[in-house]
Amino acid sequence: MSETALDAGFFLRWMTAAAASVDREAARLTDLDSAIGDADHGSNLQRGFAAVVKTLETEPPQTPGAVLTTAGRQLISTVGGASGPLYGTLLRRTGKALGEAGSVTADELRTALRAGVDAVAQLGGAAPGDATMLDALNPAVEALATSFAAAAEAAVQGAEATVPLQARKGRASYLGERSIGHQDPGATSSALLFTALAQTADDGEGAK
């Protein structure tokens, strides 16, 4: 990984890209959720990330950590169901781990994301293999040691790998074996987050 500094502008662009990706894929996320959940994952995240972008544009935070903590706080207050607290915790804990630095390296972001993912695991009580967002987040954070593109690919593969798994947490777990054969919506939206991160870096505004 390059040691190129990632400033607040990079993180603002990342959140904007994530919101655009969620907006494009909202119908797909809801379709996935309709099979094993409440059929609202896409619409909930779409509303939440729209609120994130509006807040960040109104008063842009000046540090990477502040961008993520602000985004996380907005998701918690806007998104219903489990998605708000889980995504909010991911971003807030990552932002907190980044501290008040004006810029961070990709390695520092990876370390902070590890803390964020661990906080999600603790909050949700899930583990890898339970067919949750962790099945995309964990491999993505590990692959981030190589590159942003590798992290995005690992997240997508992790989401796809939930198809043969039986859900152990969340609404889908109520279905038991009937949850097998369905891609987890949370893992899918987590992959969108890392795909947006890779795209932001690939646009030449941060480390490759």
N, C-alpha and C. Protein backbone atom coordinates (compact mmCIF):
# COMPACT_ATOMS: atom_id res chain seq x y z
N MET A 1 0.84 -1.21 0.00
CA MET A 1 0.00 0.00 0.00
C MET A 1 0.86 1.25 0.00
N SER A 2 0.47 2.23 -0.78
CA SER A 2 1.13 3.52 -0.77
C SER A 2 0.88 4.23 0.55
N GLU A 3 1.82 5.09 0.92
CA GLU A 3 1.66 5.86 2.15
C GLU A 3 1.09 7.24 1.86
N THR A 4 0.47 7.41 0.71
CA THR A 4 -0.17 8.68 0.39
C THR A 4 -1.14 9.08 1.48
N ALA A 5 -1.10 10.35 1.86
CA ALA A 5 -1.97 10.83 2.93
C ALA A 5 -3.41 10.95 2.44
N LEU A 6 -4.32 10.49 3.24
CA LEU A 6 -5.75 10.58 2.95
C LEU A 6 -6.33 11.64 3.87
N ASP A 7 -6.79 12.74 3.29
CA ASP A 7 -7.29 13.84 4.10
C ASP A 7 -8.81 13.81 4.21
N ALA A 8 -9.37 14.82 4.85
CA ALA A 8 -10.82 14.86 5.04
C ALA A 8 -11.56 14.86 3.70
N GLY A 9 -10.98 15.51 2.70
CA GLY A 9 -11.61 15.54 1.39
C GLY A 9 -11.77 14.15 0.80
N PHE A 10 -10.77 13.30 0.99
CA PHE A 10 -10.85 11.92 0.52
C PHE A 10 -12.03 11.21 1.17
N PHE A 11 -12.17 11.37 2.47
CA PHE A 11 -13.24 10.69 3.20
C PHE A 11 -14.61 11.24 2.85
N LEU A 12 -14.68 12.54 2.58
CA LEU A 12 -15.94 13.12 2.11
C LEU A 12 -16.34 12.53 0.76
N ARG A 13 -15.36 12.38 -0.12
CA ARG A 13 -15.64 11.78 -1.44
C ARG A 13 -16.04 10.32 -1.29
N TRP A 14 -15.42 9.63 -0.34
CA TRP A 14 -15.78 8.23 -0.10
C TRP A 14 -17.25 8.12 0.32
N MET A 15 -17.66 8.92 1.27
CA MET A 15 -19.04 8.86 1.74
C MET A 15 -20.02 9.24 0.63
N THR A 16 -19.65 10.20 -0.20
CA THR A 16 -20.50 10.59 -1.32
C THR A 16 -20.61 9.45 -2.33
N ALA A 17 -19.49 8.79 -2.60
CA ALA A 17 -19.50 7.65 -3.52
C ALA A 17 -20.31 6.49 -2.95
N ALA A 18 -20.20 6.27 -1.65
CA ALA A 18 -20.96 5.20 -1.01
C ALA A 18 -22.45 5.47 -1.12
N ALA A 19 -22.83 6.72 -0.90
CA ALA A 19 -24.25 7.09 -0.99
C ALA A 19 -24.77 6.88 -2.41
N ALA A 20 -23.97 7.24 -3.40
CA ALA A 20 -24.38 7.06 -4.79
C ALA A 20 -24.53 5.58 -5.12
N SER A 21 -23.62 4.76 -4.60
CA SER A 21 -23.67 3.32 -4.85
C SER A 21 -24.91 2.71 -4.20
N VAL A 22 -25.18 3.09 -2.97
CA VAL A 22 -26.37 2.59 -2.29
C VAL A 22 -27.63 3.02 -3.03
N ASP A 23 -27.63 4.23 -3.53
CA ASP A 23 -28.78 4.74 -4.27
C ASP A 23 -29.03 3.91 -5.53
N ARG A 24 -27.94 3.59 -6.24
CA ARG A 24 -28.06 2.79 -7.46
C ARG A 24 -28.53 1.37 -7.17
N GLU A 25 -28.07 0.82 -6.05
CA GLU A 25 -28.32 -0.59 -5.75
C GLU A 25 -29.44 -0.81 -4.75
N ALA A 26 -30.17 0.25 -4.41
CA ALA A 26 -31.19 0.14 -3.37
C ALA A 26 -32.24 -0.93 -3.69
N ALA A 27 -32.68 -0.97 -4.93
CA ALA A 27 -33.70 -1.95 -5.31
C ALA A 27 -33.18 -3.37 -5.16
N ARG A 28 -31.93 -3.58 -5.55
CA ARG A 28 -31.34 -4.92 -5.41
C ARG A 28 -31.22 -5.31 -3.94
N LEU A 29 -30.78 -4.38 -3.11
CA LEU A 29 -30.64 -4.67 -1.69
C LEU A 29 -31.99 -5.02 -1.08
N THR A 30 -33.02 -4.31 -1.49
CA THR A 30 -34.35 -4.58 -0.97
C THR A 30 -34.86 -5.93 -1.47
N ASP A 31 -34.56 -6.27 -2.71
CA ASP A 31 -34.95 -7.58 -3.24
C ASP A 31 -34.30 -8.70 -2.44
N LEU A 32 -33.01 -8.55 -2.15
CA LEU A 32 -32.31 -9.55 -1.35
C LEU A 32 -32.94 -9.66 0.03
N ASP A 33 -33.29 -8.53 0.60
CA ASP A 33 -33.86 -8.51 1.95
C ASP A 33 -35.28 -9.06 1.97
N SER A 34 -35.98 -8.93 0.86
CA SER A 34 -37.37 -9.41 0.82
C SER A 34 -37.44 -10.93 0.95
N ALA A 35 -36.36 -11.61 0.57
CA ALA A 35 -36.34 -13.07 0.63
C ALA A 35 -36.12 -13.59 2.05
N ILE A 36 -35.38 -12.82 2.86
CA ILE A 36 -35.01 -13.33 4.18
C ILE A 36 -35.18 -12.32 5.31
N GLY A 37 -35.71 -11.14 4.99
CA GLY A 37 -35.83 -10.10 6.02
C GLY A 37 -37.10 -9.30 5.89
N ASP A 38 -36.98 -8.01 6.17
CA ASP A 38 -38.14 -7.12 6.19
C ASP A 38 -38.34 -6.34 4.90
N ALA A 39 -37.53 -6.60 3.90
CA ALA A 39 -37.64 -5.95 2.59
C ALA A 39 -37.47 -4.43 2.67
N ASP A 40 -36.60 -3.99 3.60
CA ASP A 40 -36.40 -2.55 3.74
C ASP A 40 -34.93 -2.15 3.82
N HIS A 41 -34.03 -3.08 3.61
CA HIS A 41 -32.61 -2.78 3.76
C HIS A 41 -32.16 -1.71 2.77
N GLY A 42 -32.57 -1.85 1.53
CA GLY A 42 -32.16 -0.88 0.52
C GLY A 42 -32.72 0.50 0.78
N SER A 43 -34.01 0.57 1.06
CA SER A 43 -34.64 1.88 1.29
C SER A 43 -34.12 2.53 2.56
N ASN A 44 -33.86 1.74 3.58
CA ASN A 44 -33.33 2.30 4.82
C ASN A 44 -31.94 2.91 4.62
N LEU A 45 -31.07 2.16 3.97
CA LEU A 45 -29.71 2.67 3.74
C LEU A 45 -29.72 3.84 2.77
N GLN A 46 -30.59 3.78 1.79
CA GLN A 46 -30.71 4.89 0.83
C GLN A 46 -31.07 6.18 1.56
N ARG A 47 -32.02 6.11 2.44
CA ARG A 47 -32.42 7.28 3.22
C ARG A 47 -31.29 7.72 4.15
N GLY A 48 -30.63 6.76 4.77
CA GLY A 48 -29.57 7.09 5.70
C GLY A 48 -28.38 7.76 5.05
N PHE A 49 -27.93 7.22 3.94
CA PHE A 49 -26.76 7.80 3.28
C PHE A 49 -27.09 9.13 2.62
N ALA A 50 -28.33 9.31 2.20
CA ALA A 50 -28.73 10.62 1.68
C ALA A 50 -28.63 11.67 2.78
N ALA A 51 -29.02 11.29 3.98
CA ALA A 51 -28.92 12.20 5.12
C ALA A 51 -27.46 12.46 5.47
N VAL A 52 -26.62 11.44 5.34
CA VAL A 52 -25.19 11.60 5.60
C VAL A 52 -24.60 12.65 4.67
N VAL A 53 -24.86 12.50 3.38
CA VAL A 53 -24.31 13.44 2.39
C VAL A 53 -24.80 14.85 2.66
N LYS A 54 -26.07 15.00 2.96
CA LYS A 54 -26.63 16.33 3.23
C LYS A 54 -25.93 16.98 4.42
N THR A 55 -25.72 16.20 5.46
CA THR A 55 -25.06 16.72 6.66
C THR A 55 -23.61 17.09 6.38
N LEU A 56 -22.90 16.23 5.65
CA LEU A 56 -21.49 16.49 5.36
C LEU A 56 -21.32 17.69 4.43
N GLU A 57 -22.26 17.87 3.52
CA GLU A 57 -22.19 19.01 2.60
C GLU A 57 -22.52 20.32 3.31
N THR A 58 -23.41 20.25 4.27
CA THR A 58 -23.82 21.47 4.98
C THR A 58 -22.69 22.03 5.83
N GLU A 59 -21.99 21.14 6.52
CA GLU A 59 -20.88 21.57 7.37
C GLU A 59 -19.78 20.52 7.31
N PRO A 60 -18.93 20.55 6.28
CA PRO A 60 -17.92 19.52 6.08
C PRO A 60 -16.93 19.44 7.25
N PRO A 61 -16.79 18.27 7.86
CA PRO A 61 -15.79 18.09 8.92
C PRO A 61 -14.39 18.27 8.36
N GLN A 62 -13.45 18.62 9.22
CA GLN A 62 -12.11 18.97 8.77
C GLN A 62 -11.07 17.87 8.93
N THR A 63 -11.46 16.75 9.51
CA THR A 63 -10.52 15.64 9.67
C THR A 63 -11.18 14.34 9.22
N PRO A 64 -10.38 13.34 8.82
CA PRO A 64 -10.94 12.05 8.43
C PRO A 64 -11.81 11.43 9.53
N GLY A 65 -11.31 11.48 10.76
CA GLY A 65 -12.06 10.90 11.86
C GLY A 65 -13.40 11.56 12.06
N ALA A 66 -13.43 12.88 11.93
CA ALA A 66 -14.68 13.61 12.11
C ALA A 66 -15.67 13.31 11.00
N VAL A 67 -15.18 13.10 9.78
CA VAL A 67 -16.08 12.73 8.68
C VAL A 67 -16.82 11.43 9.01
N LEU A 68 -16.07 10.43 9.45
CA LEU A 68 -16.67 9.13 9.71
C LEU A 68 -17.55 9.13 10.95
N THR A 69 -17.13 9.82 12.00
CA THR A 69 -17.98 9.85 13.19
C THR A 69 -19.28 10.60 12.91
N THR A 70 -19.21 11.65 12.12
CA THR A 70 -20.41 12.39 11.75
C THR A 70 -21.34 11.51 10.91
N ALA A 71 -20.76 10.80 9.94
CA ALA A 71 -21.55 9.90 9.10
C ALA A 71 -22.20 8.81 9.94
N GLY A 72 -21.44 8.22 10.84
CA GLY A 72 -21.97 7.17 11.68
C GLY A 72 -23.10 7.64 12.57
N ARG A 73 -22.93 8.81 13.15
CA ARG A 73 -23.96 9.37 14.01
C ARG A 73 -25.25 9.62 13.21
N GLN A 74 -25.10 10.08 11.98
CA GLN A 74 -26.27 10.35 11.15
C GLN A 74 -26.99 9.06 10.78
N LEU A 75 -26.25 8.01 10.50
CA LEU A 75 -26.87 6.73 10.16
C LEU A 75 -27.65 6.18 11.34
N ILE A 76 -27.09 6.29 12.53
CA ILE A 76 -27.77 5.79 13.72
C ILE A 76 -29.09 6.53 13.94
N SER A 77 -29.09 7.82 13.69
CA SER A 77 -30.29 8.62 13.95
C SER A 77 -31.32 8.54 12.83
N THR A 78 -30.90 8.09 11.66
CA THR A 78 -31.79 8.11 10.49
C THR A 78 -32.30 6.74 10.07
N VAL A 79 -31.45 5.73 10.18
CA VAL A 79 -31.78 4.40 9.65
C VAL A 79 -32.44 3.52 10.71
N GLY A 80 -33.57 2.95 10.35
CA GLY A 80 -34.27 2.06 11.26
C GLY A 80 -33.71 0.65 11.22
N GLY A 81 -34.27 -0.20 12.06
CA GLY A 81 -33.84 -1.59 12.09
C GLY A 81 -32.45 -1.75 12.65
N ALA A 82 -31.81 -2.86 12.28
CA ALA A 82 -30.47 -3.14 12.78
C ALA A 82 -29.39 -2.41 11.99
N SER A 83 -29.70 -2.04 10.76
CA SER A 83 -28.67 -1.46 9.88
C SER A 83 -28.09 -0.17 10.43
N GLY A 84 -28.94 0.69 10.98
CA GLY A 84 -28.46 1.97 11.50
C GLY A 84 -27.43 1.81 12.59
N PRO A 85 -27.74 1.08 13.66
CA PRO A 85 -26.76 0.88 14.71
C PRO A 85 -25.50 0.17 14.25
N LEU A 86 -25.63 -0.80 13.36
CA LEU A 86 -24.46 -1.56 12.92
C LEU A 86 -23.55 -0.71 12.04
N TYR A 87 -24.11 -0.09 11.01
CA TYR A 87 -23.29 0.77 10.15
C TYR A 87 -22.80 2.00 10.90
N GLY A 88 -23.67 2.54 11.75
CA GLY A 88 -23.26 3.69 12.54
C GLY A 88 -22.10 3.37 13.45
N THR A 89 -22.16 2.20 14.08
CA THR A 89 -21.06 1.76 14.95
C THR A 89 -19.79 1.56 14.15
N LEU A 90 -19.90 0.96 12.98
CA LEU A 90 -18.72 0.74 12.13
C LEU A 90 -18.01 2.06 11.84
N LEU A 91 -18.76 3.04 11.39
CA LEU A 91 -18.15 4.31 10.99
C LEU A 91 -17.71 5.14 12.19
N ARG A 92 -18.52 5.17 13.24
CA ARG A 92 -18.15 5.96 14.42
C ARG A 92 -16.91 5.40 15.10
N ARG A 93 -16.85 4.08 15.24
CA ARG A 93 -15.69 3.48 15.91
C ARG A 93 -14.45 3.64 15.06
N THR A 94 -14.59 3.51 13.74
CA THR A 94 -13.45 3.73 12.84
C THR A 94 -12.98 5.17 12.94
N GLY A 95 -13.93 6.10 12.93
CA GLY A 95 -13.58 7.51 13.04
C GLY A 95 -12.89 7.83 14.35
N LYS A 96 -13.39 7.25 15.43
CA LYS A 96 -12.79 7.47 16.75
C LYS A 96 -11.35 6.96 16.77
N ALA A 97 -11.13 5.80 16.14
CA ALA A 97 -9.79 5.22 16.11
C ALA A 97 -8.82 6.07 15.29
N LEU A 98 -9.33 6.80 14.31
CA LEU A 98 -8.47 7.68 13.51
C LEU A 98 -8.04 8.92 14.28
N GLY A 99 -8.77 9.25 15.32
CA GLY A 99 -8.40 10.39 16.15
C GLY A 99 -8.63 11.72 15.46
N GLU A 100 -7.79 12.69 15.78
CA GLU A 100 -7.97 14.05 15.29
C GLU A 100 -6.94 14.44 14.24
N ALA A 101 -6.25 13.45 13.68
CA ALA A 101 -5.23 13.74 12.66
C ALA A 101 -5.86 14.38 11.43
N GLY A 102 -5.13 15.31 10.82
CA GLY A 102 -5.62 15.97 9.62
C GLY A 102 -5.57 15.09 8.39
N SER A 103 -4.73 14.07 8.42
CA SER A 103 -4.67 13.09 7.34
C SER A 103 -4.17 11.78 7.92
N VAL A 104 -4.46 10.69 7.23
CA VAL A 104 -4.06 9.36 7.70
C VAL A 104 -3.53 8.56 6.52
N THR A 105 -2.78 7.52 6.81
CA THR A 105 -2.31 6.61 5.77
C THR A 105 -3.32 5.48 5.58
N ALA A 106 -3.15 4.75 4.51
CA ALA A 106 -4.02 3.60 4.26
C ALA A 106 -3.87 2.56 5.36
N ASP A 107 -2.65 2.38 5.86
CA ASP A 107 -2.44 1.43 6.95
C ASP A 107 -3.15 1.87 8.22
N GLU A 108 -3.13 3.17 8.48
CA GLU A 108 -3.84 3.68 9.65
C GLU A 108 -5.34 3.51 9.49
N LEU A 109 -5.84 3.68 8.27
CA LEU A 109 -7.25 3.45 8.01
C LEU A 109 -7.59 1.98 8.23
N ARG A 110 -6.74 1.10 7.77
CA ARG A 110 -6.98 -0.33 7.95
C ARG A 110 -7.06 -0.69 9.43
N THR A 111 -6.14 -0.17 10.22
CA THR A 111 -6.15 -0.43 11.66
C THR A 111 -7.44 0.09 12.30
N ALA A 112 -7.85 1.28 11.88
CA ALA A 112 -9.07 1.87 12.42
C ALA A 112 -10.30 1.07 12.00
N LEU A 113 -10.33 0.62 10.76
CA LEU A 113 -11.45 -0.20 10.29
C LEU A 113 -11.52 -1.52 11.04
N ARG A 114 -10.37 -2.06 11.40
CA ARG A 114 -10.36 -3.28 12.20
C ARG A 114 -11.08 -3.07 13.52
N ALA A 115 -10.82 -1.92 14.13
CA ALA A 115 -11.50 -1.58 15.37
C ALA A 115 -13.00 -1.42 15.14
N GLY A 116 -13.36 -0.82 14.01
CA GLY A 116 -14.76 -0.64 13.69
C GLY A 116 -15.48 -1.96 13.47
N VAL A 117 -14.84 -2.86 12.74
CA VAL A 117 -15.44 -4.17 12.47
C VAL A 117 -15.56 -4.98 13.76
N ASP A 118 -14.56 -4.90 14.61
CA ASP A 118 -14.63 -5.60 15.90
C ASP A 118 -15.79 -5.08 16.74
N ALA A 119 -16.03 -3.78 16.67
CA ALA A 119 -17.15 -3.20 17.42
C ALA A 119 -18.49 -3.68 16.87
N VAL A 120 -18.57 -3.84 15.56
CA VAL A 120 -19.79 -4.37 14.95
C VAL A 120 -20.03 -5.81 15.41
N ALA A 121 -18.96 -6.60 15.43
CA ALA A 121 -19.07 -7.99 15.86
C ALA A 121 -19.55 -8.07 17.31
N GLN A 122 -19.03 -7.20 18.14
CA GLN A 122 -19.43 -7.18 19.55
C GLN A 122 -20.89 -6.75 19.70
N LEU A 123 -21.29 -5.74 18.96
CA LEU A 123 -22.66 -5.25 19.04
C LEU A 123 -23.66 -6.29 18.57
N GLY A 124 -23.36 -6.92 17.44
CA GLY A 124 -24.29 -7.87 16.85
C GLY A 124 -24.16 -9.29 17.36
N GLY A 125 -23.06 -9.57 18.05
CA GLY A 125 -22.84 -10.92 18.56
C GLY A 125 -22.62 -11.95 17.48
N ALA A 126 -22.16 -11.49 16.31
CA ALA A 126 -21.97 -12.40 15.17
C ALA A 126 -20.51 -12.77 15.01
N ALA A 127 -20.28 -13.81 14.25
CA ALA A 127 -18.93 -14.28 13.93
C ALA A 127 -18.86 -14.58 12.45
N PRO A 128 -17.66 -14.64 11.88
CA PRO A 128 -17.53 -15.02 10.48
C PRO A 128 -18.22 -16.36 10.21
N GLY A 129 -18.93 -16.43 9.11
CA GLY A 129 -19.65 -17.65 8.78
C GLY A 129 -21.10 -17.66 9.21
N ASP A 130 -21.53 -16.59 9.89
CA ASP A 130 -22.92 -16.49 10.34
C ASP A 130 -23.84 -15.88 9.28
N ALA A 131 -23.30 -15.60 8.10
CA ALA A 131 -24.06 -14.97 7.01
C ALA A 131 -24.54 -13.59 7.42
N THR A 132 -23.59 -12.74 7.76
CA THR A 132 -23.88 -11.34 8.11
C THR A 132 -22.90 -10.44 7.39
N MET A 133 -22.98 -9.15 7.65
CA MET A 133 -22.08 -8.18 7.05
C MET A 133 -20.62 -8.46 7.40
N LEU A 134 -20.38 -9.17 8.50
CA LEU A 134 -19.01 -9.50 8.88
C LEU A 134 -18.32 -10.37 7.83
N ASP A 135 -19.11 -11.14 7.09
CA ASP A 135 -18.51 -12.02 6.08
C ASP A 135 -17.97 -11.24 4.89
N ALA A 136 -18.36 -9.99 4.76
CA ALA A 136 -17.76 -9.11 3.75
C ALA A 136 -16.73 -8.19 4.40
N LEU A 137 -17.02 -7.71 5.60
CA LEU A 137 -16.13 -6.75 6.25
C LEU A 137 -14.79 -7.34 6.64
N ASN A 138 -14.80 -8.53 7.23
CA ASN A 138 -13.55 -9.12 7.70
C ASN A 138 -12.53 -9.35 6.58
N PRO A 139 -12.92 -10.03 5.50
CA PRO A 139 -11.94 -10.22 4.42
C PRO A 139 -11.52 -8.92 3.77
N ALA A 140 -12.41 -7.95 3.73
CA ALA A 140 -12.07 -6.65 3.12
C ALA A 140 -10.98 -5.96 3.91
N VAL A 141 -11.12 -5.95 5.22
CA VAL A 141 -10.11 -5.29 6.06
C VAL A 141 -8.77 -6.00 5.94
N GLU A 142 -8.79 -7.31 5.90
CA GLU A 142 -7.54 -8.05 5.75
C GLU A 142 -6.89 -7.74 4.40
N ALA A 143 -7.68 -7.70 3.35
CA ALA A 143 -7.14 -7.46 2.01
C ALA A 143 -6.69 -6.02 1.82
N LEU A 144 -7.14 -5.13 2.67
CA LEU A 144 -6.74 -3.73 2.57
C LEU A 144 -5.25 -3.56 2.78
N ALA A 145 -4.62 -4.56 3.38
CA ALA A 145 -3.16 -4.53 3.54
C ALA A 145 -2.47 -4.56 2.18
N THR A 146 -3.17 -5.07 1.17
CA THR A 146 -2.61 -5.15 -0.19
C THR A 146 -2.97 -3.91 -1.01
N SER A 147 -4.26 -3.62 -1.12
CA SER A 147 -4.70 -2.45 -1.88
C SER A 147 -6.18 -2.21 -1.65
N PHE A 148 -6.63 -1.03 -2.02
CA PHE A 148 -8.06 -0.73 -1.93
C PHE A 148 -8.85 -1.63 -2.87
N ALA A 149 -8.31 -1.87 -4.06
CA ALA A 149 -8.99 -2.73 -5.03
C ALA A 149 -9.13 -4.15 -4.50
N ALA A 150 -8.09 -4.65 -3.84
CA ALA A 150 -8.14 -5.99 -3.27
C ALA A 150 -9.18 -6.06 -2.17
N ALA A 151 -9.30 -5.00 -1.40
CA ALA A 151 -10.30 -4.96 -0.33
C ALA A 151 -11.71 -5.02 -0.91
N ALA A 152 -11.94 -4.28 -1.98
CA ALA A 152 -13.26 -4.28 -2.62
C ALA A 152 -13.59 -5.66 -3.17
N GLU A 153 -12.61 -6.28 -3.83
CA GLU A 153 -12.83 -7.61 -4.39
C GLU A 153 -13.12 -8.63 -3.29
N ALA A 154 -12.38 -8.53 -2.19
CA ALA A 154 -12.58 -9.46 -1.08
C ALA A 154 -13.97 -9.28 -0.46
N ALA A 155 -14.43 -8.04 -0.39
CA ALA A 155 -15.75 -7.78 0.17
C ALA A 155 -16.84 -8.36 -0.72
N VAL A 156 -16.70 -8.18 -2.03
CA VAL A 156 -17.69 -8.73 -2.97
C VAL A 156 -17.71 -10.26 -2.88
N GLN A 157 -16.53 -10.86 -2.86
CA GLN A 157 -16.45 -12.32 -2.76
C GLN A 157 -17.02 -12.81 -1.43
N GLY A 158 -16.76 -12.05 -0.37
CA GLY A 158 -17.29 -12.42 0.93
C GLY A 158 -18.81 -12.38 0.96
N ALA A 159 -19.37 -11.37 0.32
CA ALA A 159 -20.83 -11.28 0.25
C ALA A 159 -21.41 -12.45 -0.54
N GLU A 160 -20.79 -12.77 -1.66
CA GLU A 160 -21.27 -13.88 -2.49
C GLU A 160 -21.14 -15.21 -1.74
N ALA A 161 -20.16 -15.30 -0.87
CA ALA A 161 -19.93 -16.54 -0.12
C ALA A 161 -20.97 -16.78 0.96
N THR A 162 -21.85 -15.80 1.20
CA THR A 162 -22.92 -16.03 2.18
C THR A 162 -24.08 -16.84 1.60
N VAL A 163 -24.10 -17.00 0.29
CA VAL A 163 -25.23 -17.71 -0.34
C VAL A 163 -25.42 -19.12 0.22
N PRO A 164 -24.37 -19.95 0.35
CA PRO A 164 -24.58 -21.30 0.85
C PRO A 164 -24.64 -21.41 2.37
N LEU A 165 -24.51 -20.29 3.08
CA LEU A 165 -24.48 -20.32 4.54
C LEU A 165 -25.88 -20.24 5.13
N GLN A 166 -26.04 -20.83 6.30
CA GLN A 166 -27.28 -20.67 7.05
C GLN A 166 -27.12 -19.47 7.97
N ALA A 167 -28.07 -18.56 7.91
CA ALA A 167 -28.00 -17.35 8.73
C ALA A 167 -28.12 -17.70 10.21
N ARG A 168 -27.23 -17.13 11.01
CA ARG A 168 -27.22 -17.39 12.45
C ARG A 168 -27.63 -16.18 13.27
N LYS A 169 -27.72 -15.03 12.62
CA LYS A 169 -28.07 -13.81 13.34
C LYS A 169 -29.10 -13.02 12.54
N GLY A 170 -29.82 -12.15 13.23
CA GLY A 170 -30.76 -11.27 12.55
C GLY A 170 -32.05 -11.96 12.16
N ARG A 171 -32.87 -11.22 11.45
CA ARG A 171 -34.19 -11.71 11.03
C ARG A 171 -34.06 -12.99 10.19
N ALA A 172 -33.03 -13.06 9.36
CA ALA A 172 -32.86 -14.22 8.49
C ALA A 172 -32.67 -15.51 9.28
N SER A 173 -32.13 -15.39 10.49
CA SER A 173 -31.87 -16.60 11.29
C SER A 173 -33.17 -17.31 11.68
N TYR A 174 -34.28 -16.57 11.69
CA TYR A 174 -35.57 -17.18 12.03
C TYR A 174 -35.98 -18.23 11.00
N LEU A 175 -35.42 -18.12 9.80
CA LEU A 175 -35.79 -19.04 8.73
C LEU A 175 -35.06 -20.37 8.82
N GLY A 176 -34.03 -20.44 9.64
CA GLY A 176 -33.27 -21.67 9.77
C GLY A 176 -32.63 -22.07 8.45
N GLU A 177 -32.81 -23.32 8.06
CA GLU A 177 -32.19 -23.82 6.83
C GLU A 177 -32.75 -23.15 5.58
N ARG A 178 -33.91 -22.56 5.69
CA ARG A 178 -34.50 -21.88 4.53
C ARG A 178 -33.74 -20.61 4.15
N SER A 179 -32.86 -20.16 5.04
CA SER A 179 -32.04 -18.98 4.71
C SER A 179 -30.89 -19.34 3.78
N ILE A 180 -30.60 -20.63 3.67
CA ILE A 180 -29.53 -21.09 2.78
C ILE A 180 -29.94 -20.83 1.33
N GLY A 181 -29.00 -20.33 0.54
CA GLY A 181 -29.28 -20.06 -0.87
C GLY A 181 -29.57 -18.60 -1.16
N HIS A 182 -29.50 -17.77 -0.12
CA HIS A 182 -29.77 -16.34 -0.29
C HIS A 182 -28.55 -15.51 0.13
N GLN A 183 -28.18 -14.56 -0.70
CA GLN A 183 -27.05 -13.68 -0.37
C GLN A 183 -27.49 -12.68 0.69
N ASP A 184 -26.66 -12.52 1.70
CA ASP A 184 -27.01 -11.64 2.80
C ASP A 184 -27.03 -10.17 2.36
N PRO A 185 -28.11 -9.45 2.62
CA PRO A 185 -28.19 -8.04 2.21
C PRO A 185 -27.14 -7.17 2.89
N GLY A 186 -26.88 -7.40 4.18
CA GLY A 186 -25.90 -6.60 4.89
C GLY A 186 -24.49 -6.79 4.36
N ALA A 187 -24.15 -8.02 4.04
CA ALA A 187 -22.84 -8.29 3.44
C ALA A 187 -22.75 -7.62 2.07
N THR A 188 -23.85 -7.61 1.35
CA THR A 188 -23.87 -7.00 0.02
C THR A 188 -23.68 -5.49 0.11
N SER A 189 -24.36 -4.85 1.03
CA SER A 189 -24.19 -3.40 1.18
C SER A 189 -22.82 -3.06 1.74
N SER A 190 -22.25 -3.94 2.56
CA SER A 190 -20.89 -3.72 3.05
C SER A 190 -19.90 -3.74 1.90
N ALA A 191 -20.14 -4.63 0.94
CA ALA A 191 -19.28 -4.68 -0.24
C ALA A 191 -19.38 -3.38 -1.04
N LEU A 192 -20.57 -2.78 -1.08
CA LEU A 192 -20.73 -1.50 -1.77
C LEU A 192 -19.87 -0.43 -1.11
N LEU A 193 -19.78 -0.47 0.21
CA LEU A 193 -18.98 0.52 0.94
C LEU A 193 -17.51 0.43 0.54
N PHE A 194 -17.00 -0.79 0.43
CA PHE A 194 -15.60 -0.95 0.07
C PHE A 194 -15.35 -0.74 -1.42
N THR A 195 -16.34 -1.05 -2.23
CA THR A 195 -16.21 -0.74 -3.66
C THR A 195 -16.13 0.76 -3.86
N ALA A 196 -16.92 1.51 -3.10
CA ALA A 196 -16.87 2.97 -3.16
C ALA A 196 -15.52 3.49 -2.69
N LEU A 197 -14.96 2.86 -1.68
CA LEU A 197 -13.64 3.25 -1.18
C LEU A 197 -12.58 3.05 -2.27
N ALA A 198 -12.63 1.90 -2.93
CA ALA A 198 -11.67 1.63 -4.00
C ALA A 198 -11.83 2.60 -5.16
N GLN A 199 -13.06 2.93 -5.49
CA GLN A 199 -13.32 3.87 -6.58
C GLN A 199 -12.80 5.25 -6.23
N THR A 200 -12.97 5.65 -4.99
CA THR A 200 -12.47 6.95 -4.55
C THR A 200 -10.95 7.01 -4.69
N ALA A 201 -10.29 5.94 -4.30
CA ALA A 201 -8.83 5.89 -4.44
C ALA A 201 -8.42 5.85 -5.90
N ASP A 202 -9.17 5.12 -6.71
CA ASP A 202 -8.83 4.96 -8.12
C ASP A 202 -9.04 6.25 -8.90
N ASP A 203 -9.85 7.14 -8.37
CA ASP A 203 -10.09 8.42 -9.03
C ASP A 203 -8.90 9.36 -8.91
N GLY A 204 -7.84 8.89 -8.24
CA GLY A 204 -6.62 9.68 -8.15
C GLY A 204 -6.56 10.62 -6.98
N GLU A 205 -7.48 10.43 -6.04
CA GLU A 205 -7.53 11.35 -4.91
C GLU A 205 -6.95 10.74 -3.64
N GLY A 206 -6.34 9.57 -3.76
CA GLY A 206 -5.77 8.94 -2.58
C GLY A 206 -4.87 7.81 -2.97
N ALA A 207 -4.52 7.00 -1.99
CA ALA A 207 -3.59 5.89 -2.23
C ALA A 207 -4.23 4.84 -3.11
N LYS A 208 -3.39 4.23 -3.94
CA LYS A 208 -3.86 3.12 -4.77
C LYS A 208 -3.61 1.82 -4.04
